[in-house]
Structures are given as C-alpha cells and as structure tokens.
PDB file of N, CA and C in Angstrom:
ATOM      1  N   MET A   1      12.890  16.293   9.588  1.00  0.00           N
ATOM      2  CA  MET A   1      12.081  15.089   9.816  1.00  0.00           C
ATOM      3  C   MET A   1      12.991  13.877   9.980  1.00  0.00           C
ATOM      4  N   THR A   2      12.474  12.865  10.606  1.00  0.00           N
ATOM      5  CA  THR A   2      13.254  11.647  10.813  1.00  0.00           C
ATOM      6  C   THR A   2      13.289  10.839   9.525  1.00  0.00           C
ATOM      7  N   THR A   3      14.447  10.243   9.243  1.00  0.00           N
ATOM      8  CA  THR A   3      14.558   9.416   8.044  1.00  0.00           C
ATOM      9  C   THR A   3      14.768   7.965   8.439  1.00  0.00           C
ATOM     10  N   ASP A   4      14.345   7.052   7.564  1.00  0.00           N
ATOM     11  CA  ASP A   4      14.597   5.637   7.819  1.00  0.00           C
ATOM     12  C   ASP A   4      15.909   5.251   7.153  1.00  0.00           C
ATOM     13  N   PHE A   5      16.230   3.964   7.164  1.00  0.00           N
ATOM     14  CA  PHE A   5      17.543   3.548   6.663  1.00  0.00           C
ATOM     15  C   PHE A   5      17.666   3.731   5.152  1.00  0.00           C
ATOM     16  N   ASN A   6      16.547   3.915   4.468  1.00  0.00           N
ATOM     17  CA  ASN A   6      16.597   4.147   3.026  1.00  0.00           C
ATOM     18  C   ASN A   6      16.765   5.622   2.707  1.00  0.00           C
ATOM     19  N   GLY A   7      16.679   6.489   3.729  1.00  0.00           N
ATOM     20  CA  GLY A   7      16.816   7.914   3.499  1.00  0.00           C
ATOM     21  C   GLY A   7      15.490   8.590   3.214  1.00  0.00           C
ATOM     22  N   HIS A   8      14.404   7.823   3.136  1.00  0.00           N
ATOM     23  CA  HIS A   8      13.092   8.423   2.982  1.00  0.00           C
ATOM     24  C   HIS A   8      12.678   9.041   4.314  1.00  0.00           C
ATOM     25  N   THR A   9      11.866  10.073   4.252  1.00  0.00           N
ATOM     26  CA  THR A   9      11.286  10.546   5.495  1.00  0.00           C
ATOM     27  C   THR A   9      10.252   9.526   5.954  1.00  0.00           C
ATOM     28  N   VAL A  10      10.035   9.466   7.258  1.00  0.00           N
ATOM     29  CA  VAL A  10       9.063   8.502   7.780  1.00  0.00           C
ATOM     30  C   VAL A  10       7.688   8.792   7.190  1.00  0.00           C
ATOM     31  N   PHE A  11       7.375  10.076   7.021  1.00  0.00           N
ATOM     32  CA  PHE A  11       6.068  10.444   6.466  1.00  0.00           C
ATOM     33  C   PHE A  11       5.912   9.886   5.058  1.00  0.00           C
ATOM     34  N   VAL A  12       6.930  10.053   4.226  1.00  0.00           N
ATOM     35  CA  VAL A  12       6.854   9.572   2.841  1.00  0.00           C
ATOM     36  C   VAL A  12       6.763   8.051   2.829  1.00  0.00           C
ATOM     37  N   THR A  13       7.562   7.401   3.656  1.00  0.00           N
ATOM     38  CA  THR A  13       7.533   5.944   3.687  1.00  0.00           C
ATOM     39  C   THR A  13       6.144   5.453   4.091  1.00  0.00           C
ATOM     40  N   ALA A  14       5.551   6.106   5.082  1.00  0.00           N
ATOM     41  CA  ALA A  14       4.218   5.708   5.530  1.00  0.00           C
ATOM     42  C   ALA A  14       3.200   5.919   4.412  1.00  0.00           C
ATOM     43  N   ALA A  15       3.347   7.009   3.673  1.00  0.00           N
ATOM     44  CA  ALA A  15       2.417   7.289   2.584  1.00  0.00           C
ATOM     45  C   ALA A  15       2.563   6.238   1.487  1.00  0.00           C
ATOM     46  N   GLU A  16       3.814   5.883   1.161  1.00  0.00           N
ATOM     47  CA  GLU A  16       4.040   4.868   0.131  1.00  0.00           C
ATOM     48  C   GLU A  16       3.449   3.535   0.568  1.00  0.00           C
ATOM     49  N   THR A  17       3.654   3.190   1.840  1.00  0.00           N
ATOM     50  CA  THR A  17       3.115   1.934   2.355  1.00  0.00           C
ATOM     51  C   THR A  17       1.593   1.944   2.272  1.00  0.00           C
ATOM     52  N   HIS A  18       0.987   3.083   2.617  1.00  0.00           N
ATOM     53  CA  HIS A  18      -0.470   3.176   2.597  1.00  0.00           C
ATOM     54  C   HIS A  18      -0.988   2.989   1.171  1.00  0.00           C
ATOM     55  N   VAL A  19      -0.309   3.596   0.211  1.00  0.00           N
ATOM     56  CA  VAL A  19      -0.734   3.454  -1.189  1.00  0.00           C
ATOM     57  C   VAL A  19      -0.654   1.997  -1.613  1.00  0.00           C
ATOM     58  N   LYS A  20       0.452   1.327  -1.232  1.00  0.00           N
ATOM     59  CA  LYS A  20       0.590  -0.083  -1.612  1.00  0.00           C
ATOM     60  C   LYS A  20      -0.499  -0.923  -0.955  1.00  0.00           C
ATOM     61  N   GLU A  21      -0.836  -0.610   0.295  1.00  0.00           N
ATOM     62  CA  GLU A  21      -1.892  -1.365   0.968  1.00  0.00           C
ATOM     63  C   GLU A  21      -3.219  -1.178   0.240  1.00  0.00           C
ATOM     64  N   LEU A  22      -3.486   0.048  -0.202  1.00  0.00           N
ATOM     65  CA  LEU A  22      -4.733   0.298  -0.923  1.00  0.00           C
ATOM     66  C   LEU A  22      -4.753  -0.487  -2.221  1.00  0.00           C
ATOM     67  N   GLU A  23      -3.613  -0.538  -2.920  1.00  0.00           N
ATOM     68  CA  GLU A  23      -3.551  -1.283  -4.177  1.00  0.00           C
ATOM     69  C   GLU A  23      -3.819  -2.761  -3.926  1.00  0.00           C
ATOM     70  N   VAL A  24      -3.247  -3.302  -2.853  1.00  0.00           N
ATOM     71  CA  VAL A  24      -3.462  -4.721  -2.529  1.00  0.00           C
ATOM     72  C   VAL A  24      -4.929  -4.970  -2.224  1.00  0.00           C
ATOM     73  N   GLN A  25      -5.555  -4.064  -1.450  1.00  0.00           N
ATOM     74  CA  GLN A  25      -6.969  -4.231  -1.122  1.00  0.00           C
ATOM     75  C   GLN A  25      -7.817  -4.204  -2.391  1.00  0.00           C
ATOM     76  N   GLN A  26      -7.489  -3.296  -3.309  1.00  0.00           N
ATOM     77  CA  GLN A  26      -8.254  -3.208  -4.555  1.00  0.00           C
ATOM     78  C   GLN A  26      -8.086  -4.485  -5.366  1.00  0.00           C
ATOM     79  N   ASN A  27      -6.863  -5.019  -5.397  1.00  0.00           N
ATOM     80  CA  ASN A  27      -6.619  -6.256  -6.144  1.00  0.00           C
ATOM     81  C   ASN A  27      -7.397  -7.409  -5.531  1.00  0.00           C
ATOM     82  N   GLN A  28      -7.394  -7.492  -4.199  1.00  0.00           N
ATOM     83  CA  GLN A  28      -8.111  -8.574  -3.529  1.00  0.00           C
ATOM     84  C   GLN A  28      -9.606  -8.463  -3.806  1.00  0.00           C
ATOM     85  N   THR A  29     -10.119  -7.238  -3.774  1.00  0.00           N
ATOM     86  CA  THR A  29     -11.544  -7.041  -4.033  1.00  0.00           C
ATOM     87  C   THR A  29     -11.875  -7.458  -5.458  1.00  0.00           C
ATOM     88  N   ALA A  30     -11.015  -7.104  -6.392  1.00  0.00           N
ATOM     89  CA  ALA A  30     -11.253  -7.467  -7.796  1.00  0.00           C
ATOM     90  C   ALA A  30     -11.267  -8.982  -7.958  1.00  0.00           C
ATOM     91  N   HIS A  31     -10.355  -9.661  -7.264  1.00  0.00           N
ATOM     92  CA  HIS A  31     -10.317 -11.126  -7.353  1.00  0.00           C
ATOM     93  C   HIS A  31     -11.582 -11.728  -6.745  1.00  0.00           C
ATOM     94  N   GLN A  32     -12.027 -11.169  -5.627  1.00  0.00           N
ATOM     95  CA  GLN A  32     -13.230 -11.699  -4.980  1.00  0.00           C
ATOM     96  C   GLN A  32     -14.431 -11.562  -5.910  1.00  0.00           C
ATOM     97  N   ILE A  33     -14.516 -10.420  -6.588  1.00  0.00           N
ATOM     98  CA  ILE A  33     -15.644 -10.198  -7.486  1.00  0.00           C
ATOM     99  C   ILE A  33     -15.576 -11.186  -8.655  1.00  0.00           C
ATOM    100  N   SER A  34     -14.392 -11.380  -9.214  1.00  0.00           N
ATOM    101  CA  SER A  34     -14.255 -12.264 -10.375  1.00  0.00           C
ATOM    102  C   SER A  34     -14.440 -13.728  -9.984  1.00  0.00           C
ATOM    103  N   ASP A  35     -14.205 -14.048  -8.701  1.00  0.00           N
ATOM    104  CA  ASP A  35     -14.347 -15.437  -8.256  1.00  0.00           C
ATOM    105  C   ASP A  35     -15.797 -15.785  -7.937  1.00  0.00           C
ATOM    106  N   MET A  36     -16.667 -14.803  -7.868  1.00  0.00           N
ATOM    107  CA  MET A  36     -18.069 -15.076  -7.542  1.00  0.00           C
ATOM    108  C   MET A  36     -18.732 -15.787  -8.714  1.00  0.00           C
ATOM    109  N   PRO A  37     -19.584 -16.769  -8.426  1.00  0.00           N
ATOM    110  CA  PRO A  37     -20.269 -17.530  -9.497  1.00  0.00           C
ATOM    111  C   PRO A  37     -21.287 -16.668 -10.244  1.00  0.00           C
TER     112      PRO A  37
END
C-alpha cells in the first residue's frame, strides 16, 4: 500500500482523519444542544 510522509498507510491515515472528523462533529452537536435556551 502507499504510505504518506509519516509512514502511515493512506488507508489508515484516512480512517484516523475520519474518526477525528466524527469526534469534531459530535463535539459541535453537543455544544449546539447546550447552547439552546
């Protein structure tokens, strides 16, 4: 498989990025809920 400059496979890097994106979305949703009056 192709590796990026960190030595991770592109597949693993994409998976890690996807997980982080999901975490950010969950955090944003939690903030939106807590900000509601």
